[in-house]
Structures are given as structure tokens and as C-alpha cells.
All heavy atoms as atom14 arrays in JSON, in Angstrom:
{
  "sequence": "PDADPCDDCLDVCVVEKMPKLKVLLLLPTAFFGKHVRFSDVIH",
  "atom14_mask": [
    [1, 1, 1, 1, 1, 1, 1, 0, 0, 0, 0, 0, 0, 0],
    [1, 1, 1, 1, 1, 1, 1, 1, 0, 0, 0, 0, 0, 0],
    [1, 1, 1, 1, 1, 0, 0, 0, 0, 0, 0, 0, 0, 0],
    [1, 1, 1, 1, 1, 1, 1, 1, 0, 0, 0, 0, 0, 0],
    [1, 1, 1, 1, 1, 1, 1, 0, 0, 0, 0, 0, 0, 0],
    [1, 1, 1, 1, 1, 1, 0, 0, 0, 0, 0, 0, 0, 0],
    [1, 1, 1, 1, 1, 1, 1, 1, 0, 0, 0, 0, 0, 0],
    [1, 1, 1, 1, 1, 1, 1, 1, 0, 0, 0, 0, 0, 0],
    [1, 1, 1, 1, 1, 1, 0, 0, 0, 0, 0, 0, 0, 0],
    [1, 1, 1, 1, 1, 1, 1, 1, 0, 0, 0, 0, 0, 0],
    [1, 1, 1, 1, 1, 1, 1, 1, 0, 0, 0, 0, 0, 0],
    [1, 1, 1, 1, 1, 1, 1, 0, 0, 0, 0, 0, 0, 0],
    [1, 1, 1, 1, 1, 1, 0, 0, 0, 0, 0, 0, 0, 0],
    [1, 1, 1, 1, 1, 1, 1, 0, 0, 0, 0, 0, 0, 0],
    [1, 1, 1, 1, 1, 1, 1, 0, 0, 0, 0, 0, 0, 0],
    [1, 1, 1, 1, 1, 1, 1, 1, 1, 0, 0, 0, 0, 0],
    [1, 1, 1, 1, 1, 1, 1, 1, 1, 0, 0, 0, 0, 0],
    [1, 1, 1, 1, 1, 1, 1, 1, 0, 0, 0, 0, 0, 0],
    [1, 1, 1, 1, 1, 1, 1, 0, 0, 0, 0, 0, 0, 0],
    [1, 1, 1, 1, 1, 1, 1, 1, 1, 0, 0, 0, 0, 0],
    [1, 1, 1, 1, 1, 1, 1, 1, 0, 0, 0, 0, 0, 0],
    [1, 1, 1, 1, 1, 1, 1, 1, 1, 0, 0, 0, 0, 0],
    [1, 1, 1, 1, 1, 1, 1, 0, 0, 0, 0, 0, 0, 0],
    [1, 1, 1, 1, 1, 1, 1, 1, 0, 0, 0, 0, 0, 0],
    [1, 1, 1, 1, 1, 1, 1, 1, 0, 0, 0, 0, 0, 0],
    [1, 1, 1, 1, 1, 1, 1, 1, 0, 0, 0, 0, 0, 0],
    [1, 1, 1, 1, 1, 1, 1, 1, 0, 0, 0, 0, 0, 0],
    [1, 1, 1, 1, 1, 1, 1, 0, 0, 0, 0, 0, 0, 0],
    [1, 1, 1, 1, 1, 1, 1, 0, 0, 0, 0, 0, 0, 0],
    [1, 1, 1, 1, 1, 0, 0, 0, 0, 0, 0, 0, 0, 0],
    [1, 1, 1, 1, 1, 1, 1, 1, 1, 1, 1, 0, 0, 0],
    [1, 1, 1, 1, 1, 1, 1, 1, 1, 1, 1, 0, 0, 0],
    [1, 1, 1, 1, 0, 0, 0, 0, 0, 0, 0, 0, 0, 0],
    [1, 1, 1, 1, 1, 1, 1, 1, 1, 0, 0, 0, 0, 0],
    [1, 1, 1, 1, 1, 1, 1, 1, 1, 1, 0, 0, 0, 0],
    [1, 1, 1, 1, 1, 1, 1, 0, 0, 0, 0, 0, 0, 0],
    [1, 1, 1, 1, 1, 1, 1, 1, 1, 1, 1, 0, 0, 0],
    [1, 1, 1, 1, 1, 1, 1, 1, 1, 1, 1, 0, 0, 0],
    [1, 1, 1, 1, 1, 1, 0, 0, 0, 0, 0, 0, 0, 0],
    [1, 1, 1, 1, 1, 1, 1, 1, 0, 0, 0, 0, 0, 0],
    [1, 1, 1, 1, 1, 1, 1, 0, 0, 0, 0, 0, 0, 0],
    [1, 1, 1, 1, 1, 1, 1, 1, 0, 0, 0, 0, 0, 0],
    [1, 1, 1, 1, 1, 1, 1, 1, 1, 1, 0, 0, 0, 0]
  ],
  "atom14_positions": [
    [[378.87, -138.71, -128.85], [378.87, -139.1, -130.29], [380.17, -138.85, -131.1], [380.43, -139.48, -132.05], [377.91, -138.33, -130.94], [377.02, -138.0, -129.75], [377.83, -137.8, -128.56], [0.0, 0.0, 0.0], [0.0, 0.0, 0.0], [0.0, 0.0, 0.0], [0.0, 0.0, 0.0], [0.0, 0.0, 0.0], [0.0, 0.0, 0.0], [0.0, 0.0, 0.0]],
    [[380.99, -137.82, -130.69], [382.31, -137.5, -131.45], [383.51, -138.07, -130.95], [384.57, -137.88, -131.32], [382.28, -136.02, -131.48], [381.24, -135.28, -132.28], [380.76, -135.86, -133.2], [380.8, -134.24, -131.77], [0.0, 0.0, 0.0], [0.0, 0.0, 0.0], [0.0, 0.0, 0.0], [0.0, 0.0, 0.0], [0.0, 0.0, 0.0], [0.0, 0.0, 0.0]],
    [[383.39, -139.0, -129.92], [384.54, -139.62, -129.39], [385.41, -140.42, -130.41], [384.83, -141.18, -131.18], [384.25, -140.5, -128.21], [0.0, 0.0, 0.0], [0.0, 0.0, 0.0], [0.0, 0.0, 0.0], [0.0, 0.0, 0.0], [0.0, 0.0, 0.0], [0.0, 0.0, 0.0], [0.0, 0.0, 0.0], [0.0, 0.0, 0.0], [0.0, 0.0, 0.0]],
    [[386.67, -140.23, -130.42], [387.64, -140.85, -131.42], [388.68, -141.61, -130.61], [389.53, -140.88, -129.91], [388.03, -139.8, -132.35], [388.99, -140.42, -133.39], [389.4, -141.76, -133.29], [389.23, -139.82, -134.43], [0.0, 0.0, 0.0], [0.0, 0.0, 0.0], [0.0, 0.0, 0.0], [0.0, 0.0, 0.0], [0.0, 0.0, 0.0], [0.0, 0.0, 0.0]],
    [[388.87, -142.98, -130.65], [389.81, -143.62, -129.95], [391.38, -143.31, -130.36], [392.22, -143.73, -129.71], [389.57, -145.07, -130.09], [388.8, -145.19, -131.4], [388.06, -143.82, -131.51], [0.0, 0.0, 0.0], [0.0, 0.0, 0.0], [0.0, 0.0, 0.0], [0.0, 0.0, 0.0], [0.0, 0.0, 0.0], [0.0, 0.0, 0.0], [0.0, 0.0, 0.0]],
    [[391.48, -142.63, -131.47], [392.81, -142.42, -132.12], [393.23, -140.99, -131.88], [394.32, -140.53, -132.45], [392.87, -142.81, -133.53], [392.68, -144.59, -133.75], [0.0, 0.0, 0.0], [0.0, 0.0, 0.0], [0.0, 0.0, 0.0], [0.0, 0.0, 0.0], [0.0, 0.0, 0.0], [0.0, 0.0, 0.0], [0.0, 0.0, 0.0], [0.0, 0.0, 0.0]],
    [[392.42, -140.08, -131.38], [392.71, -138.71, -131.17], [393.49, -138.66, -129.64], [393.66, -139.68, -129.01], [391.67, -137.71, -131.27], [390.64, -138.0, -130.21], [390.78, -138.54, -129.18], [389.58, -137.24, -130.52], [0.0, 0.0, 0.0], [0.0, 0.0, 0.0], [0.0, 0.0, 0.0], [0.0, 0.0, 0.0], [0.0, 0.0, 0.0], [0.0, 0.0, 0.0]],
    [[393.84, -137.4, -129.25], [394.58, -137.25, -128.07], [393.76, -136.85, -126.95], [394.21, -136.26, -126.02], [395.8, -136.27, -128.4], [396.93, -136.94, -129.25], [396.98, -138.07, -129.26], [397.52, -136.12, -129.91], [0.0, 0.0, 0.0], [0.0, 0.0, 0.0], [0.0, 0.0, 0.0], [0.0, 0.0, 0.0], [0.0, 0.0, 0.0], [0.0, 0.0, 0.0]],
    [[392.36, -136.94, -127.05], [391.57, -136.43, -126.07], [390.44, -137.47, -125.62], [390.22, -138.41, -126.46], [390.79, -135.25, -126.65], [391.79, -133.73, -126.8], [0.0, 0.0, 0.0], [0.0, 0.0, 0.0], [0.0, 0.0, 0.0], [0.0, 0.0, 0.0], [0.0, 0.0, 0.0], [0.0, 0.0, 0.0], [0.0, 0.0, 0.0], [0.0, 0.0, 0.0]],
    [[389.91, -137.33, -124.47], [388.79, -138.0, -124.08], [387.63, -137.1, -124.09], [387.78, -135.98, -123.83], [388.98, -138.51, -122.56], [390.07, -139.57, -122.24], [390.41, -139.61, -120.84], [389.51, -140.97, -122.8], [0.0, 0.0, 0.0], [0.0, 0.0, 0.0], [0.0, 0.0, 0.0], [0.0, 0.0, 0.0], [0.0, 0.0, 0.0], [0.0, 0.0, 0.0]],
    [[386.44, -137.6, -124.39], [385.27, -136.87, -124.47], [384.44, -137.23, -123.13], [384.47, -138.31, -122.73], [384.36, -137.13, -125.7], [385.05, -136.81, -126.98], [386.24, -136.99, -127.15], [384.27, -136.13, -127.7], [0.0, 0.0, 0.0], [0.0, 0.0, 0.0], [0.0, 0.0, 0.0], [0.0, 0.0, 0.0], [0.0, 0.0, 0.0], [0.0, 0.0, 0.0]],
    [[383.84, -136.13, -122.65], [383.26, -136.26, -121.18], [381.82, -135.92, -121.49], [381.43, -134.76, -122.11], [383.98, -135.31, -120.23], [383.33, -135.53, -118.88], [385.37, -135.51, -120.33], [0.0, 0.0, 0.0], [0.0, 0.0, 0.0], [0.0, 0.0, 0.0], [0.0, 0.0, 0.0], [0.0, 0.0, 0.0], [0.0, 0.0, 0.0], [0.0, 0.0, 0.0]],
    [[380.8, -136.6, -120.84], [379.44, -136.3, -120.82], [379.04, -136.21, -119.26], [379.1, -137.14, -118.51], [378.67, -137.41, -121.45], [376.82, -137.16, -121.35], [0.0, 0.0, 0.0], [0.0, 0.0, 0.0], [0.0, 0.0, 0.0], [0.0, 0.0, 0.0], [0.0, 0.0, 0.0], [0.0, 0.0, 0.0], [0.0, 0.0, 0.0], [0.0, 0.0, 0.0]],
    [[378.62, -135.09, -118.85], [377.96, -134.86, -117.49], [376.45, -134.71, -117.61], [376.05, -133.81, -118.36], [378.57, -133.59, -116.74], [378.09, -133.53, -115.36], [380.13, -133.69, -116.75], [0.0, 0.0, 0.0], [0.0, 0.0, 0.0], [0.0, 0.0, 0.0], [0.0, 0.0, 0.0], [0.0, 0.0, 0.0], [0.0, 0.0, 0.0], [0.0, 0.0, 0.0]],
    [[375.8, -135.65, -116.88], [374.26, -135.49, -116.86], [373.83, -135.02, -115.54], [374.14, -135.69, -114.47], [373.66, -136.82, -117.12], [372.25, -136.7, -117.17], [374.19, -137.32, -118.48], [0.0, 0.0, 0.0], [0.0, 0.0, 0.0], [0.0, 0.0, 0.0], [0.0, 0.0, 0.0], [0.0, 0.0, 0.0], [0.0, 0.0, 0.0], [0.0, 0.0, 0.0]],
    [[373.18, -133.84, -115.49], [372.73, -133.31, -114.19], [371.5, -133.89, -113.79], [370.69, -134.42, -114.65], [372.62, -131.67, -114.27], [373.9, -131.09, -114.51], [373.76, -129.51, -114.18], [373.55, -129.18, -113.02], [373.89, -128.79, -115.16], [0.0, 0.0, 0.0], [0.0, 0.0, 0.0], [0.0, 0.0, 0.0], [0.0, 0.0, 0.0], [0.0, 0.0, 0.0]],
    [[371.02, -133.74, -112.63], [369.8, -134.29, -112.05], [368.63, -133.54, -112.77], [368.52, -132.45, -112.97], [369.78, -133.98, -110.57], [368.45, -134.59, -110.0], [368.45, -134.46, -108.43], [367.21, -135.09, -107.8], [367.16, -134.83, -106.31], [0.0, 0.0, 0.0], [0.0, 0.0, 0.0], [0.0, 0.0, 0.0], [0.0, 0.0, 0.0], [0.0, 0.0, 0.0]],
    [[367.7, -134.46, -113.08], [366.5, -133.98, -113.74], [365.28, -134.87, -113.34], [365.66, -136.09, -112.78], [366.65, -134.07, -115.29], [366.81, -135.44, -115.87], [367.23, -135.55, -117.57], [369.06, -135.39, -117.5], [0.0, 0.0, 0.0], [0.0, 0.0, 0.0], [0.0, 0.0, 0.0], [0.0, 0.0, 0.0], [0.0, 0.0, 0.0], [0.0, 0.0, 0.0]],
    [[364.16, -134.58, -113.55], [363.06, -135.5, -113.21], [363.05, -136.85, -113.87], [363.55, -137.03, -115.11], [361.82, -134.64, -113.81], [362.22, -133.41, -113.76], [363.55, -133.4, -114.1], [0.0, 0.0, 0.0], [0.0, 0.0, 0.0], [0.0, 0.0, 0.0], [0.0, 0.0, 0.0], [0.0, 0.0, 0.0], [0.0, 0.0, 0.0], [0.0, 0.0, 0.0]],
    [[362.84, -137.93, -113.16], [363.04, -139.24, -113.62], [362.32, -139.66, -114.86], [362.76, -140.31, -115.7], [362.7, -140.32, -112.43], [363.72, -140.25, -111.36], [363.48, -141.24, -110.31], [364.49, -141.26, -109.19], [364.17, -142.18, -108.07], [0.0, 0.0, 0.0], [0.0, 0.0, 0.0], [0.0, 0.0, 0.0], [0.0, 0.0, 0.0], [0.0, 0.0, 0.0]],
    [[361.09, -138.95, -115.03], [360.37, -139.14, -116.3], [361.14, -138.56, -117.58], [361.21, -139.22, -118.58], [359.01, -138.47, -116.12], [358.1, -138.43, -117.51], [357.87, -139.98, -117.82], [356.76, -137.65, -117.3], [0.0, 0.0, 0.0], [0.0, 0.0, 0.0], [0.0, 0.0, 0.0], [0.0, 0.0, 0.0], [0.0, 0.0, 0.0], [0.0, 0.0, 0.0]],
    [[361.84, -137.46, -117.24], [362.66, -136.84, -118.35], [363.88, -137.71, -118.64], [364.26, -138.0, -119.82], [363.14, -135.53, -117.94], [363.9, -134.77, -119.01], [364.17, -133.21, -118.59], [364.76, -132.57, -119.76], [365.09, -131.1, -119.45], [0.0, 0.0, 0.0], [0.0, 0.0, 0.0], [0.0, 0.0, 0.0], [0.0, 0.0, 0.0], [0.0, 0.0, 0.0]],
    [[364.39, -138.34, -117.53], [365.6, -139.36, -117.85], [364.96, -140.45, -118.69], [365.71, -140.92, -119.67], [366.07, -139.99, -116.45], [367.29, -140.97, -116.83], [366.69, -138.76, -115.67], [0.0, 0.0, 0.0], [0.0, 0.0, 0.0], [0.0, 0.0, 0.0], [0.0, 0.0, 0.0], [0.0, 0.0, 0.0], [0.0, 0.0, 0.0], [0.0, 0.0, 0.0]],
    [[363.78, -140.97, -118.38], [363.27, -142.21, -119.11], [362.93, -141.79, -120.5], [363.19, -142.56, -121.3], [361.89, -142.39, -118.28], [361.18, -143.77, -118.86], [362.07, -144.98, -118.47], [359.85, -143.86, -118.24], [0.0, 0.0, 0.0], [0.0, 0.0, 0.0], [0.0, 0.0, 0.0], [0.0, 0.0, 0.0], [0.0, 0.0, 0.0], [0.0, 0.0, 0.0]],
    [[362.62, -140.46, -120.83], [362.44, -140.13, -122.08], [363.72, -139.83, -122.91], [363.84, -140.1, -124.18], [361.51, -138.73, -122.25], [360.08, -138.94, -121.74], [359.43, -137.57, -121.51], [359.26, -139.89, -122.54], [0.0, 0.0, 0.0], [0.0, 0.0, 0.0], [0.0, 0.0, 0.0], [0.0, 0.0, 0.0], [0.0, 0.0, 0.0], [0.0, 0.0, 0.0]],
    [[364.74, -139.27, -122.23], [365.99, -139.0, -122.79], [366.93, -140.26, -123.13], [367.58, -140.21, -124.09], [366.76, -137.95, -121.91], [366.42, -136.45, -122.08], [367.24, -135.67, -121.28], [366.37, -136.04, -123.44], [0.0, 0.0, 0.0], [0.0, 0.0, 0.0], [0.0, 0.0, 0.0], [0.0, 0.0, 0.0], [0.0, 0.0, 0.0], [0.0, 0.0, 0.0]],
    [[366.83, -141.17, -122.23], [367.77, -142.34, -122.41], [367.67, -143.0, -123.72], [368.89, -143.28, -124.25], [367.41, -143.33, -121.31], [368.52, -144.45, -120.95], [369.82, -143.76, -120.62], [367.99, -145.3, -119.97], [0.0, 0.0, 0.0], [0.0, 0.0, 0.0], [0.0, 0.0, 0.0], [0.0, 0.0, 0.0], [0.0, 0.0, 0.0], [0.0, 0.0, 0.0]],
    [[366.58, -143.38, -124.24], [366.54, -143.89, -125.67], [367.24, -143.11, -126.62], [367.75, -143.59, -127.76], [365.17, -144.3, -125.83], [364.47, -144.14, -124.54], [365.22, -143.24, -123.75], [0.0, 0.0, 0.0], [0.0, 0.0, 0.0], [0.0, 0.0, 0.0], [0.0, 0.0, 0.0], [0.0, 0.0, 0.0], [0.0, 0.0, 0.0], [0.0, 0.0, 0.0]],
    [[367.16, -141.71, -126.55], [367.72, -140.77, -127.63], [369.23, -140.98, -127.52], [369.93, -140.61, -128.56], [367.34, -139.34, -127.43], [368.0, -138.76, -126.27], [365.89, -139.15, -127.19], [0.0, 0.0, 0.0], [0.0, 0.0, 0.0], [0.0, 0.0, 0.0], [0.0, 0.0, 0.0], [0.0, 0.0, 0.0], [0.0, 0.0, 0.0], [0.0, 0.0, 0.0]],
    [[369.92, -141.46, -126.47], [371.31, -141.6, -126.42], [371.88, -142.76, -127.28], [373.04, -142.69, -127.56], [371.72, -141.79, -124.99], [0.0, 0.0, 0.0], [0.0, 0.0, 0.0], [0.0, 0.0, 0.0], [0.0, 0.0, 0.0], [0.0, 0.0, 0.0], [0.0, 0.0, 0.0], [0.0, 0.0, 0.0], [0.0, 0.0, 0.0], [0.0, 0.0, 0.0]],
    [[370.86, -143.61, -127.75], [371.23, -144.52, -128.7], [371.68, -143.85, -130.08], [372.55, -144.46, -130.87], [370.17, -145.5, -129.01], [370.0, -146.66, -128.15], [368.8, -146.92, -127.2], [371.06, -147.6, -128.03], [368.8, -147.91, -126.31], [370.93, -148.69, -127.04], [369.83, -148.82, -126.28], [0.0, 0.0, 0.0], [0.0, 0.0, 0.0], [0.0, 0.0, 0.0]],
    [[371.15, -142.62, -130.34], [371.5, -142.02, -131.54], [372.22, -140.79, -131.38], [372.48, -140.1, -132.24], [370.24, -141.6, -132.35], [369.18, -142.78, -132.24], [368.14, -142.89, -131.3], [369.35, -143.86, -133.35], [367.24, -144.07, -131.44], [368.45, -144.91, -133.37], [367.41, -145.02, -132.41], [0.0, 0.0, 0.0], [0.0, 0.0, 0.0], [0.0, 0.0, 0.0]],
    [[372.77, -140.54, -130.08], [373.49, -139.31, -129.69], [372.61, -138.14, -129.77], [373.25, -137.04, -129.78], [0.0, 0.0, 0.0], [0.0, 0.0, 0.0], [0.0, 0.0, 0.0], [0.0, 0.0, 0.0], [0.0, 0.0, 0.0], [0.0, 0.0, 0.0], [0.0, 0.0, 0.0], [0.0, 0.0, 0.0], [0.0, 0.0, 0.0], [0.0, 0.0, 0.0]],
    [[371.37, -138.1, -129.72], [370.55, -136.94, -129.91], [370.45, -136.35, -128.41], [369.84, -135.2, -128.48], [369.19, -137.38, -130.39], [369.25, -137.95, -131.84], [369.91, -136.9, -132.82], [369.81, -137.56, -134.29], [370.57, -136.8, -135.23], [0.0, 0.0, 0.0], [0.0, 0.0, 0.0], [0.0, 0.0, 0.0], [0.0, 0.0, 0.0], [0.0, 0.0, 0.0]],
    [[370.76, -136.92, -127.44], [370.52, -136.38, -125.99], [371.45, -135.2, -125.87], [371.06, -134.27, -124.97], [371.04, -137.53, -125.02], [372.39, -137.72, -125.1], [372.97, -138.54, -126.17], [373.44, -137.66, -124.26], [374.21, -138.64, -126.05], [374.58, -138.15, -124.86], [0.0, 0.0, 0.0], [0.0, 0.0, 0.0], [0.0, 0.0, 0.0], [0.0, 0.0, 0.0]],
    [[372.39, -134.93, -126.73], [373.3, -133.79, -126.45], [372.68, -132.46, -126.76], [373.21, -131.44, -126.39], [374.66, -133.94, -127.31], [375.42, -135.14, -127.01], [374.27, -133.97, -128.81], [0.0, 0.0, 0.0], [0.0, 0.0, 0.0], [0.0, 0.0, 0.0], [0.0, 0.0, 0.0], [0.0, 0.0, 0.0], [0.0, 0.0, 0.0], [0.0, 0.0, 0.0]],
    [[371.4, -132.43, -127.49], [370.72, -131.34, -127.64], [370.21, -130.48, -126.41], [369.86, -129.5, -126.45], [369.49, -131.55, -128.68], [370.0, -132.03, -130.01], [368.85, -132.37, -130.92], [368.03, -133.5, -130.29], [366.9, -133.91, -131.0], [366.54, -133.31, -132.03], [366.19, -134.99, -130.4], [0.0, 0.0, 0.0], [0.0, 0.0, 0.0], [0.0, 0.0, 0.0]],
    [[370.1, -131.43, -125.43], [369.48, -130.89, -124.14], [370.63, -130.29, -123.27], [370.99, -130.99, -122.15], [368.66, -131.95, -123.4], [367.56, -132.47, -124.26], [367.76, -133.56, -125.18], [366.26, -132.0, -124.12], [366.71, -134.1, -125.83], [365.29, -132.44, -124.92], [365.46, -133.54, -125.79], [0.0, 0.0, 0.0], [0.0, 0.0, 0.0], [0.0, 0.0, 0.0]],
    [[371.17, -129.25, -123.69], [372.39, -128.72, -123.04], [372.09, -128.09, -121.69], [373.08, -127.76, -120.96], [373.11, -127.69, -124.02], [372.14, -126.64, -124.32], [0.0, 0.0, 0.0], [0.0, 0.0, 0.0], [0.0, 0.0, 0.0], [0.0, 0.0, 0.0], [0.0, 0.0, 0.0], [0.0, 0.0, 0.0], [0.0, 0.0, 0.0], [0.0, 0.0, 0.0]],
    [[370.85, -127.94, -121.3], [370.61, -127.44, -119.96], [370.98, -128.42, -118.82], [371.34, -127.99, -117.78], [369.1, -127.02, -119.87], [368.13, -128.15, -120.14], [368.32, -128.99, -120.99], [366.99, -128.16, -119.54], [0.0, 0.0, 0.0], [0.0, 0.0, 0.0], [0.0, 0.0, 0.0], [0.0, 0.0, 0.0], [0.0, 0.0, 0.0], [0.0, 0.0, 0.0]],
    [[370.94, -129.71, -119.21], [371.2, -130.79, -118.21], [372.35, -131.81, -118.6], [372.68, -132.54, -117.8], [369.84, -131.6, -117.86], [368.86, -130.71, -117.08], [369.3, -132.23, -119.13], [0.0, 0.0, 0.0], [0.0, 0.0, 0.0], [0.0, 0.0, 0.0], [0.0, 0.0, 0.0], [0.0, 0.0, 0.0], [0.0, 0.0, 0.0], [0.0, 0.0, 0.0]],
    [[372.68, -131.54, -119.77], [373.63, -132.51, -120.32], [374.8, -131.77, -120.94], [374.65, -130.85, -121.78], [373.14, -133.42, -121.5], [372.15, -134.41, -120.85], [374.32, -134.25, -122.15], [371.39, -135.24, -121.9], [0.0, 0.0, 0.0], [0.0, 0.0, 0.0], [0.0, 0.0, 0.0], [0.0, 0.0, 0.0], [0.0, 0.0, 0.0], [0.0, 0.0, 0.0]],
    [[376.07, -131.97, -120.46], [377.2, -131.11, -120.7], [378.3, -132.01, -121.47], [378.68, -133.01, -120.88], [377.81, -130.37, -119.57], [376.69, -129.64, -118.8], [376.31, -128.51, -119.2], [376.01, -130.09, -117.69], [375.2, -128.07, -118.33], [375.18, -129.04, -117.36], [0.0, 0.0, 0.0], [0.0, 0.0, 0.0], [0.0, 0.0, 0.0], [0.0, 0.0, 0.0]]
  ]
}
């Protein structure tokens, strides 16, 4: 959510393996950048 095309950095999102049902529930939250709250599997 904080990526800026005019700064000097790339932002990186690593998603670790999780139950597919959890992926299914988390995926829509990424439309709003809210998935980052799940720091146990998203870095």
C-alpha cells in the first residue's frame, strides 16, 4: 500500500504458505491494503 513510483525504493510483499481457505479470505482484503495486518504470513 505504501509503494511510491517516485521514491528510490521498491516495496516487497512476501506471502508465506497458508491454508487455502485463509488465502481465499485474505485475498479480497488486499484490495484495501488490509492484508498487511497478518504479519505472521505476510511480510
